[in-house]
């Protein structure tokens, strides 16, 4: 039995600690979920809707307390954690609408009776949560999975167990039947026990490396639905327009949540002209002005620390590797005096003309690439094994039409941050960024499978199809 502990990255103080679930405990949770599945799936969808609406009411009542828990575990400023709770609350109504639209029941008259489209739940779904949005992202899997009639076993990130416990408490208060939703805390060994157990689906948000591992792991388990929401080495092409407004979009794309969003811009592609030069200077100047602080500082900072000192050290090593390859430092990646080692300043590196790894740096690090023309900009944007998000800053409508046509990404924005997304739209990527099962509004698609039925009230008239075609 391993002990897990979450730490406030701003102070180093413990937030939560407890025992990780061992393999036998995980197996027992999966068995309870399996036993609860038939009864939950058989309930009218209106009953399941009522349960998730009660969950929504609990979130609304506990909004401030849960936001504080998220902030203490992740380091995010209070304002951002409150926004995360808002997304969790909003997810309920959006999921109800998506369930009806994308996974509901449809009937059509036929000469013999009717054709009916129904959707059926898969069974027991394992959900592995990330640390950067420990409430919102797993919630985006859990709510539609339960609405569809699945049962869920949820393992939060070992870095954010208190947030997971808070979510589990909200589901308990919502009055779900026993076994329908369960939480297992733990680190890697707990997750391995969960994904190797008797499950019908794995809904995962995390790194591309872990996603690649799961693809291999489930290659010979085709009955297990696999929905992967992974990272990205996301391009932002800034080509023309107002320099100040463009710089604001760039900074929000690259540095929000201290660069710890999978959709953050990692690569800034600009033209080799005065606009490009002025924009890079404006981005650097604006980044210098960003307020950085603890989650409860007043006034509220724009960004907090990275999730841990270890995360900061990993990012620092990646940046050092870029500098060794020839990257020119515009703004260094460095710590903040008087703060914990998890605090860092946003970094800006010019990598024009050098070969750099196609890797996601999960930190506030933006790489600048200057290119001669639009064709080179498109080539640079698509020169990645990832495909989560991409963005264009331009007033040129024709350029936007080309960009939206040629971009290889699941979220492609214009004159908006690359992190711009909505629960009422799909969210997911191509290549190493996912497996073509986008979440958000389209989560309903992977939480149930379609069943086509052709139905007549009786078998009367069936012999007519054989008339004249039988031997006497």
Protein backbone atom coordinates (compact mmCIF):
# COMPACT_ATOMS: atom_id res chain seq x y z
CA UNK A 1 0.00 0.00 0.00
CA UNK A 2 1.48 3.35 -1.08
CA UNK A 3 0.86 6.72 0.51
CA UNK A 4 -0.07 9.59 -1.80
CA UNK A 5 0.10 13.22 -0.84
CA UNK A 6 -0.78 16.43 -2.66
CA UNK A 7 1.20 19.61 -2.08
CA UNK A 8 0.36 23.27 -2.50
CA UNK A 9 3.03 24.23 -5.07
CA UNK A 10 3.05 27.83 -3.88
CA UNK A 11 3.96 26.99 -0.28
CA UNK A 12 5.02 23.35 -0.18
CA UNK A 13 2.37 22.67 2.45
CA UNK A 14 0.47 19.36 2.31
CA UNK A 15 -3.14 19.51 1.12
CA UNK A 16 -4.26 15.86 1.28
CA UNK A 17 -2.77 12.49 2.01
CA UNK A 18 -4.08 8.96 2.07
CA UNK A 19 -3.44 5.40 1.03
CA UNK A 20 -3.43 4.45 -2.61
CA UNK A 21 -5.75 1.62 -3.63
CA UNK A 22 -4.03 -1.72 -4.15
CA UNK A 23 -4.90 -4.10 -6.98
CA UNK A 24 -7.41 -6.05 -4.90
CA UNK A 25 -9.27 -2.88 -3.98
CA UNK A 26 -9.39 -1.78 -7.60
CA UNK A 27 -10.74 -5.18 -8.65
CA UNK A 28 -13.42 -4.95 -5.97
CA UNK A 29 -14.45 -1.51 -7.23
CA UNK A 30 -14.69 -2.82 -10.78
CA UNK A 31 -16.81 -5.75 -9.62
CA UNK A 32 -19.22 -3.40 -7.83
CA UNK A 33 -19.42 -1.28 -10.98
CA UNK A 34 -20.12 -4.38 -13.07
CA UNK A 35 -22.89 -5.45 -10.74
CA UNK A 36 -24.44 -1.98 -10.69
CA UNK A 37 -24.37 -1.56 -14.47
CA UNK A 38 -27.52 -3.46 -15.55
CA UNK A 39 -29.78 -1.65 -13.11
CA UNK A 40 -28.37 1.79 -13.91
CA UNK A 41 -28.52 1.22 -17.67
CA UNK A 42 -32.13 0.04 -17.43
CA UNK A 43 -33.34 3.21 -15.76
CA UNK A 44 -35.18 5.74 -17.91
CA UNK A 45 -32.82 8.43 -19.17
CA UNK A 46 -34.95 10.97 -17.30
CA UNK A 47 -33.93 9.32 -14.04
CA UNK A 48 -30.25 9.56 -14.90
CA UNK A 49 -30.77 13.18 -15.94
CA UNK A 50 -32.25 13.86 -12.52
CA UNK A 51 -29.15 12.42 -10.86
CA UNK A 52 -26.70 14.60 -12.80
CA UNK A 53 -28.89 17.65 -12.18
CA UNK A 54 -28.63 16.96 -8.44
CA UNK A 55 -24.88 16.73 -8.89
CA UNK A 56 -24.96 20.13 -10.58
CA UNK A 57 -26.85 21.59 -7.61
CA UNK A 58 -24.21 20.25 -5.22
CA UNK A 59 -21.43 21.82 -7.30
CA UNK A 60 -23.25 25.15 -7.22
CA UNK A 61 -23.62 24.95 -3.44
CA UNK A 62 -19.97 23.99 -2.92
CA UNK A 63 -18.47 26.20 -5.64
CA UNK A 64 -16.21 28.31 -3.40
CA UNK A 65 -14.92 25.41 -1.31
CA UNK A 66 -14.19 23.22 -4.30
CA UNK A 67 -12.48 26.08 -6.13
CA UNK A 68 -10.20 26.58 -3.13
CA UNK A 69 -9.31 22.90 -3.15
CA UNK A 70 -8.42 23.06 -6.84
CA UNK A 71 -6.31 26.17 -6.29
CA UNK A 72 -4.44 24.71 -3.36
CA UNK A 73 -3.58 21.53 -5.27
CA UNK A 74 -2.74 23.08 -8.64
CA UNK A 75 -1.53 26.56 -7.69
CA UNK A 76 -4.05 28.18 -10.03
CA UNK A 77 -5.35 31.62 -8.97
CA UNK A 78 -8.76 31.63 -7.33
CA UNK A 79 -10.38 33.32 -10.34
CA UNK A 80 -9.31 30.50 -12.64
CA UNK A 81 -10.45 27.73 -10.30
CA UNK A 82 -13.83 29.44 -9.98
CA UNK A 83 -13.99 29.46 -13.78
CA UNK A 84 -13.22 25.73 -13.75
CA UNK A 85 -16.14 25.13 -11.39
CA UNK A 86 -18.31 27.16 -13.74
CA UNK A 87 -17.31 24.86 -16.60
CA UNK A 88 -18.10 21.80 -14.48
CA UNK A 89 -21.54 23.17 -13.65
CA UNK A 90 -22.23 24.13 -17.26
CA UNK A 91 -21.18 20.68 -18.43
CA UNK A 92 -24.34 19.12 -17.02
CA UNK A 93 -26.88 20.93 -19.21
CA UNK A 94 -24.58 20.71 -22.22
CA UNK A 95 -24.22 16.95 -21.74
CA UNK A 96 -27.98 16.50 -21.42
CA UNK A 97 -28.44 18.32 -24.73
CA UNK A 98 -25.65 16.33 -26.40
CA UNK A 99 -27.09 13.04 -25.13
CA UNK A 100 -30.44 13.84 -26.71
CA UNK A 101 -28.96 15.09 -29.99
CA UNK A 102 -26.11 12.66 -30.57
CA UNK A 103 -27.07 9.56 -28.60
CA UNK A 104 -30.82 9.66 -28.31
CA UNK A 105 -33.56 7.60 -29.93
CA UNK A 106 -34.98 8.20 -33.41
CA UNK A 107 -37.85 6.46 -35.19
CA UNK A 108 -38.87 6.38 -38.83
CA UNK A 109 -41.87 4.80 -40.52
CA UNK A 110 -41.22 1.88 -42.87
CA UNK A 111 -43.65 -0.16 -45.04
CA UNK A 112 -43.38 -3.06 -42.60
CA UNK A 113 -43.43 -1.00 -39.39
CA UNK A 114 -40.56 1.24 -38.31
CA UNK A 115 -36.80 1.67 -38.20
CA UNK A 116 -35.47 2.65 -34.78
CA UNK A 117 -32.09 4.07 -33.82
CA UNK A 118 -31.17 3.52 -30.19
CA UNK A 119 -27.95 3.97 -28.24
CA UNK A 120 -26.68 1.62 -25.58
CA UNK A 121 -24.02 2.18 -22.91
CA UNK A 122 -20.77 0.23 -23.09
CA UNK A 123 -20.62 -0.89 -19.46
CA UNK A 124 -17.88 -0.07 -16.94
CA UNK A 125 -15.85 3.00 -17.83
CA UNK A 126 -12.46 3.78 -16.28
CA UNK A 127 -11.67 7.50 -16.12
CA UNK A 128 -8.12 8.71 -15.49
CA UNK A 129 -7.94 12.40 -14.61
CA UNK A 130 -5.16 14.95 -15.18
CA UNK A 131 -3.66 17.45 -12.73
CA UNK A 132 -4.05 20.69 -14.68
CA UNK A 133 -7.87 20.74 -14.73
CA UNK A 134 -8.54 18.10 -12.08
CA UNK A 135 -12.26 18.84 -11.91
CA UNK A 136 -13.33 20.00 -15.35
CA UNK A 137 -11.54 17.48 -17.57
CA UNK A 138 -12.56 14.23 -15.82
CA UNK A 139 -16.00 15.73 -15.28
CA UNK A 140 -16.22 16.04 -19.06
CA UNK A 141 -15.97 12.25 -19.30
CA UNK A 142 -17.90 11.28 -16.18
CA UNK A 143 -21.13 13.23 -16.72
CA UNK A 144 -21.83 11.98 -20.28
CA UNK A 145 -20.75 8.45 -19.33
CA UNK A 146 -23.26 8.32 -16.48
CA UNK A 147 -26.00 9.93 -18.57
CA UNK A 148 -25.57 7.23 -21.20
CA UNK A 149 -26.05 4.51 -18.58
CA UNK A 150 -22.45 3.47 -17.93
CA UNK A 151 -20.95 3.01 -14.50
CA UNK A 152 -17.66 4.76 -13.70
CA UNK A 153 -14.51 4.05 -11.71
CA UNK A 154 -12.47 7.24 -11.46
CA UNK A 155 -8.80 7.60 -10.58
CA UNK A 156 -7.76 11.22 -10.13
CA UNK A 157 -4.19 12.33 -10.71
CA UNK A 158 -2.06 11.48 -7.69
CA UNK A 159 -1.19 15.18 -7.64
CA UNK A 160 -4.81 16.26 -7.12
CA UNK A 161 -6.49 13.65 -4.90
CA UNK A 162 -8.37 16.19 -2.78
CA UNK A 163 -10.18 17.49 -5.85
CA UNK A 164 -11.12 13.92 -6.73
CA UNK A 165 -12.47 13.36 -3.23
CA UNK A 166 -14.52 16.55 -3.49
CA UNK A 167 -16.03 15.35 -6.77
CA UNK A 168 -16.80 11.94 -5.29
CA UNK A 169 -18.50 13.62 -2.35
CA UNK A 170 -20.68 15.63 -4.71
CA UNK A 171 -21.77 12.47 -6.54
CA UNK A 172 -22.54 10.78 -3.22
CA UNK A 173 -24.75 13.68 -2.20
CA UNK A 174 -26.48 13.49 -5.58
CA UNK A 175 -27.76 10.08 -4.51
CA UNK A 176 -26.40 7.70 -7.12
CA UNK A 177 -27.12 4.00 -6.54
CA UNK A 178 -24.30 2.00 -4.96
CA UNK A 179 -21.50 1.13 -7.33
CA UNK A 180 -22.51 3.52 -10.11
CA UNK A 181 -19.68 5.98 -9.41
CA UNK A 182 -16.57 5.06 -7.44
CA UNK A 183 -13.20 6.65 -6.83
CA UNK A 184 -9.87 4.87 -6.40
CA UNK A 185 -6.96 6.98 -5.26
CA UNK A 186 -3.38 6.15 -6.12
CA UNK A 187 -0.40 6.58 -8.37
CA UNK A 188 0.82 4.56 -11.35
CA UNK A 189 0.28 1.12 -9.83
CA UNK A 190 -3.36 1.94 -9.08
CA UNK A 191 -3.88 3.18 -12.62
CA UNK A 192 -2.28 0.05 -14.03
CA UNK A 193 -4.61 -2.14 -11.98
CA UNK A 194 -7.58 -0.15 -13.23
CA UNK A 195 -6.78 -0.26 -16.96
CA UNK A 196 -5.82 -3.94 -16.83
CA UNK A 197 -9.08 -4.84 -15.09
CA UNK A 198 -12.51 -5.76 -16.43
CA UNK A 199 -13.46 -2.49 -18.13
CA UNK A 200 -15.41 -1.63 -21.25
CA UNK A 201 -13.89 1.78 -21.83
CA UNK A 202 -10.93 3.96 -20.88
CA UNK A 203 -11.50 7.72 -20.95
CA UNK A 204 -8.14 9.40 -20.52
CA UNK A 205 -6.82 12.95 -20.46
CA UNK A 206 -3.06 13.31 -20.20
CA UNK A 207 0.26 13.19 -21.99
CA UNK A 208 0.91 11.94 -25.51
CA UNK A 209 3.41 9.44 -24.14
CA UNK A 210 0.78 7.86 -21.93
CA UNK A 211 -1.67 7.88 -24.82
CA UNK A 212 0.80 5.97 -27.01
CA UNK A 213 1.19 3.42 -24.22
CA UNK A 214 -2.56 2.92 -24.01
CA UNK A 215 -2.86 2.45 -27.77
CA UNK A 216 -0.39 -0.42 -27.57
CA UNK A 217 -1.92 -1.83 -24.40
CA UNK A 218 -5.41 -2.08 -25.88
CA UNK A 219 -4.42 -3.20 -29.37
CA UNK A 220 -5.68 -6.70 -28.61
CA UNK A 221 -8.67 -5.58 -26.52
CA UNK A 222 -10.88 -4.15 -29.28
CA UNK A 223 -14.01 -4.39 -27.13
CA UNK A 224 -12.65 -1.62 -24.89
CA UNK A 225 -13.59 1.83 -26.15
CA UNK A 226 -10.56 4.12 -25.95
CA UNK A 227 -11.01 7.91 -25.87
CA UNK A 228 -7.74 9.84 -25.63
CA UNK A 229 -7.45 13.57 -25.01
CA UNK A 230 -3.74 14.32 -25.22
CA UNK A 231 -1.28 17.20 -25.57
CA UNK A 232 0.01 19.25 -28.45
CA UNK A 233 2.91 21.24 -29.85
CA UNK A 234 0.46 23.86 -31.01
CA UNK A 235 1.25 26.51 -33.65
CA UNK A 236 0.03 30.10 -33.66
CA UNK A 237 0.62 31.96 -36.91
CA UNK A 238 0.54 35.74 -36.39
CA UNK A 239 0.65 37.38 -39.80
CA UNK A 240 -0.86 40.88 -39.76
CA UNK A 241 -3.16 43.26 -37.90
CA UNK A 242 -2.85 45.49 -34.85
CA UNK A 243 0.40 44.60 -33.06
CA UNK A 244 -0.92 45.30 -29.56
CA UNK A 245 -4.08 43.25 -30.02
CA UNK A 246 -2.13 40.44 -31.64
CA UNK A 247 0.34 40.39 -28.74
CA UNK A 248 -2.54 40.02 -26.29
CA UNK A 249 -3.83 36.98 -28.18
CA UNK A 250 -0.34 35.46 -28.23
CA UNK A 251 0.25 35.96 -24.51
CA UNK A 252 -3.14 34.51 -23.59
CA UNK A 253 -2.51 31.55 -25.91
CA UNK A 254 0.94 30.74 -24.56
CA UNK A 255 0.94 31.68 -20.90
CA UNK A 256 -2.55 31.25 -19.42
CA UNK A 257 -2.63 28.61 -16.65
CA UNK A 258 1.18 29.01 -16.55
CA UNK A 259 1.31 27.25 -19.92
CA UNK A 260 -0.32 24.13 -18.47
CA UNK A 261 -3.16 23.73 -20.93
CA UNK A 262 -2.85 21.11 -23.63
CA UNK A 263 -4.14 23.71 -26.11
CA UNK A 264 -1.60 26.42 -25.23
CA UNK A 265 0.40 27.83 -28.12
CA UNK A 266 3.94 26.43 -28.03
CA UNK A 267 5.18 27.79 -31.37
CA UNK A 268 4.74 31.37 -32.62
CA UNK A 269 5.21 31.66 -36.39
CA UNK A 270 5.68 35.20 -37.69
CA UNK A 271 6.73 36.80 -40.98
CA UNK A 272 10.28 38.03 -41.52
CA UNK A 273 9.20 41.66 -41.74
CA UNK A 274 8.55 44.66 -39.51
CA UNK A 275 5.22 43.30 -38.27
CA UNK A 276 6.87 40.09 -37.12
CA UNK A 277 9.70 41.93 -35.39
CA UNK A 278 7.38 44.41 -33.65
CA UNK A 279 5.04 41.63 -32.55
CA UNK A 280 7.80 39.59 -30.90
CA UNK A 281 8.94 42.71 -29.03
CA UNK A 282 5.37 43.44 -27.95
CA UNK A 283 4.85 39.86 -26.73
CA UNK A 284 8.04 40.03 -24.68
CA UNK A 285 7.03 43.37 -23.16
CA UNK A 286 3.53 42.15 -22.34
CA UNK A 287 4.85 38.92 -20.81
CA UNK A 288 7.08 41.02 -18.55
CA UNK A 289 3.97 42.70 -17.15
CA UNK A 290 2.07 39.52 -16.25
CA UNK A 291 1.37 39.25 -12.54
CA UNK A 292 2.55 35.99 -10.97
CA UNK A 293 1.56 34.86 -7.50
CA UNK A 294 -0.08 32.39 -5.15
CA UNK A 295 -3.69 31.36 -5.57
CA UNK A 296 -4.89 33.55 -2.70
CA UNK A 297 -2.77 36.65 -3.38
CA UNK A 298 -4.67 39.91 -3.63
CA UNK A 299 -5.05 41.40 -6.11
CA UNK A 300 -5.39 38.15 -7.97
CA UNK A 301 -2.42 37.26 -10.21
CA UNK A 302 -2.78 36.27 -13.84
CA UNK A 303 -0.82 33.05 -13.37
CA UNK A 304 0.40 30.95 -10.47
CA UNK A 305 3.23 28.46 -10.10
CA UNK A 306 3.70 25.32 -12.12
CA UNK A 307 2.12 22.27 -10.56
CA UNK A 308 5.37 21.32 -8.79
CA UNK A 309 9.05 22.10 -8.46
CA UNK A 310 9.71 18.87 -10.39
CA UNK A 311 7.63 20.18 -13.30
CA UNK A 312 9.65 23.39 -13.30
CA UNK A 313 12.91 21.42 -13.31
CA UNK A 314 11.73 19.29 -16.24
CA UNK A 315 10.76 22.35 -18.27
CA UNK A 316 14.07 24.05 -17.42
CA UNK A 317 15.93 21.02 -18.79
CA UNK A 318 13.92 21.14 -22.01
CA UNK A 319 14.63 24.85 -22.43
CA UNK A 320 18.33 24.28 -21.81
CA UNK A 321 18.27 21.68 -24.58
CA UNK A 322 16.84 24.24 -27.00
CA UNK A 323 19.50 26.77 -26.07
CA UNK A 324 22.20 24.14 -26.62
CA UNK A 325 20.81 23.63 -30.12
CA UNK A 326 21.19 27.33 -30.86
CA UNK A 327 17.95 28.95 -29.68
CA UNK A 328 18.34 32.65 -28.92
CA UNK A 329 16.93 33.67 -25.55
CA UNK A 330 14.56 36.61 -25.77
CA UNK A 331 13.20 36.07 -22.27
CA UNK A 332 14.78 33.40 -20.04
CA UNK A 333 13.02 30.58 -18.25
CA UNK A 334 13.88 31.32 -14.64
CA UNK A 335 12.52 31.16 -11.13
CA UNK A 336 11.26 33.99 -8.96
CA UNK A 337 13.27 35.11 -5.97
CA UNK A 338 11.46 34.66 -2.66
CA UNK A 339 8.99 32.15 -4.09
CA UNK A 340 8.94 28.35 -4.18
CA UNK A 341 10.83 26.52 -6.91
CA UNK A 342 7.53 25.90 -8.72
CA UNK A 343 7.27 29.58 -9.65
CA UNK A 344 8.71 30.54 -13.05
CA UNK A 345 8.66 33.48 -15.42
CA UNK A 346 7.35 33.06 -18.97
CA UNK A 347 10.10 32.34 -21.48
CA UNK A 348 10.45 33.40 -25.11
CA UNK A 349 13.02 31.72 -27.38
CA UNK A 350 13.86 32.40 -31.04
CA UNK A 351 14.37 29.06 -32.79
CA UNK A 352 14.45 30.39 -36.35
CA UNK A 353 16.66 28.30 -38.60
CA UNK A 354 17.48 25.55 -36.12
CA UNK A 355 16.17 22.03 -35.70
CA UNK A 356 14.23 21.57 -32.47
CA UNK A 357 12.42 18.55 -31.01
CA UNK A 358 8.74 18.18 -31.78
CA UNK A 359 7.86 17.98 -28.09
CA UNK A 360 5.33 19.63 -25.83
CA UNK A 361 6.89 21.76 -23.10
CA UNK A 362 4.14 21.88 -20.49
CA UNK A 363 5.12 25.27 -19.11
CA UNK A 364 5.04 28.96 -20.12
CA UNK A 365 7.61 28.59 -22.92
CA UNK A 366 7.00 30.00 -26.40
CA UNK A 367 9.27 29.29 -29.37
CA UNK A 368 9.44 31.94 -32.12
CA UNK A 369 9.98 30.92 -35.74
CA UNK A 370 10.35 33.62 -38.43
CA UNK A 371 9.42 32.55 -41.96
CA UNK A 372 9.59 34.26 -45.39
CA UNK A 373 6.07 33.65 -46.72
CA UNK A 374 2.64 32.16 -46.13
CA UNK A 375 3.57 28.82 -47.65
CA UNK A 376 6.48 28.47 -45.26
CA UNK A 377 4.19 29.47 -42.38
CA UNK A 378 1.72 26.71 -43.24
CA UNK A 379 4.52 24.18 -43.59
CA UNK A 380 5.91 25.19 -40.20
CA UNK A 381 2.49 25.06 -38.55
CA UNK A 382 1.80 21.53 -39.79
CA UNK A 383 5.33 20.27 -39.17
CA UNK A 384 4.35 18.33 -36.05
CA UNK A 385 3.26 14.84 -35.06
CA UNK A 386 0.56 16.46 -32.93
CA UNK A 387 -2.70 18.05 -34.00
CA UNK A 388 -4.67 19.47 -31.12
CA UNK A 389 -5.00 23.22 -31.66
CA UNK A 390 -3.79 25.88 -34.06
CA UNK A 391 -4.43 29.56 -34.50
CA UNK A 392 -4.16 32.38 -37.01
CA UNK A 393 -3.94 36.07 -36.23
CA UNK A 394 -4.81 37.95 -39.42
CA UNK A 395 -7.37 40.33 -40.87
CA UNK A 396 -7.02 38.64 -44.28
CA UNK A 397 -10.12 36.57 -45.03
CA UNK A 398 -8.46 34.74 -47.91
CA UNK A 399 -5.56 33.73 -45.67
CA UNK A 400 -8.01 32.45 -43.07
CA UNK A 401 -9.77 30.31 -45.69
CA UNK A 402 -6.43 28.77 -46.62
CA UNK A 403 -5.46 28.28 -42.99
CA UNK A 404 -8.70 26.55 -41.97
CA UNK A 405 -8.48 24.32 -45.05
CA UNK A 406 -4.85 23.25 -44.62
CA UNK A 407 -4.46 23.12 -40.84
CA UNK A 408 -4.12 19.68 -39.30
CA UNK A 409 -5.72 20.23 -35.90
CA UNK A 410 -8.99 19.60 -34.13
CA UNK A 411 -9.37 23.16 -32.79
CA UNK A 412 -8.47 25.94 -35.23
CA UNK A 413 -9.10 29.53 -34.11
CA UNK A 414 -8.85 32.92 -35.78
CA UNK A 415 -7.89 36.07 -33.88
CA UNK A 416 -8.65 34.24 -30.65
CA UNK A 417 -6.37 32.34 -28.25
CA UNK A 418 -5.56 28.77 -29.21
CA UNK A 419 -7.00 27.81 -25.82
CA UNK A 420 -10.44 29.03 -26.83
CA UNK A 421 -12.90 26.14 -26.55
CA UNK A 422 -16.50 25.52 -25.57
CA UNK A 423 -18.41 22.62 -24.07
CA UNK A 424 -21.00 23.05 -26.82
CA UNK A 425 -18.38 22.15 -29.46
CA UNK A 426 -16.11 19.12 -29.92
CA UNK A 427 -12.64 19.21 -28.36
CA UNK A 428 -9.88 16.86 -29.45
CA UNK A 429 -7.05 16.35 -31.85
CA UNK A 430 -5.33 14.30 -34.51
CA UNK A 431 -2.06 12.40 -34.61
CA UNK A 432 -0.37 12.17 -31.21
CA UNK A 433 -2.99 14.52 -29.76
CA UNK A 434 -5.78 11.96 -29.66
CA UNK A 435 -7.45 9.08 -31.42
CA UNK A 436 -10.22 10.81 -33.35
CA UNK A 437 -12.66 10.64 -30.43
CA UNK A 438 -13.11 14.29 -29.47
CA UNK A 439 -14.58 15.11 -26.09
CA UNK A 440 -16.74 18.05 -24.89
CA UNK A 441 -20.01 18.00 -26.88
CA UNK A 442 -18.94 14.88 -28.78
CA UNK A 443 -18.25 12.87 -25.61
CA UNK A 444 -21.73 11.43 -26.03
CA UNK A 445 -20.42 9.60 -29.11
CA UNK A 446 -17.90 7.47 -27.23
CA UNK A 447 -20.09 6.89 -24.18
CA UNK A 448 -22.67 4.85 -26.11
CA UNK A 449 -22.87 2.78 -29.26
CA UNK A 450 -25.67 2.91 -31.87
CA UNK A 451 -28.10 0.04 -32.40
CA UNK A 452 -30.19 -0.05 -35.58
CA UNK A 453 -33.49 -1.96 -35.38
CA UNK A 454 -36.04 -2.80 -38.08
CA UNK A 455 -39.29 -3.68 -36.34
CA UNK A 456 -42.73 -5.01 -37.22
CA UNK A 457 -45.52 -5.62 -34.75
CA UNK A 458 -45.84 -9.22 -35.99
CA UNK A 459 -44.30 -11.59 -38.52
CA UNK A 460 -47.43 -11.39 -40.71
CA UNK A 461 -46.61 -11.01 -44.41
CA UNK A 462 -43.07 -12.30 -44.14
CA UNK A 463 -43.78 -15.27 -46.41
CA UNK A 464 -44.57 -12.92 -49.32
CA UNK A 465 -40.86 -12.33 -49.86
CA UNK A 466 -40.42 -16.04 -50.58
CA UNK A 467 -43.39 -16.47 -52.96
CA UNK A 468 -42.33 -18.07 -56.21
CA UNK A 469 -38.79 -18.61 -55.01
CA UNK A 470 -39.17 -21.95 -53.23
CA UNK A 471 -38.93 -25.47 -54.70
CA UNK A 472 -42.18 -27.41 -54.71
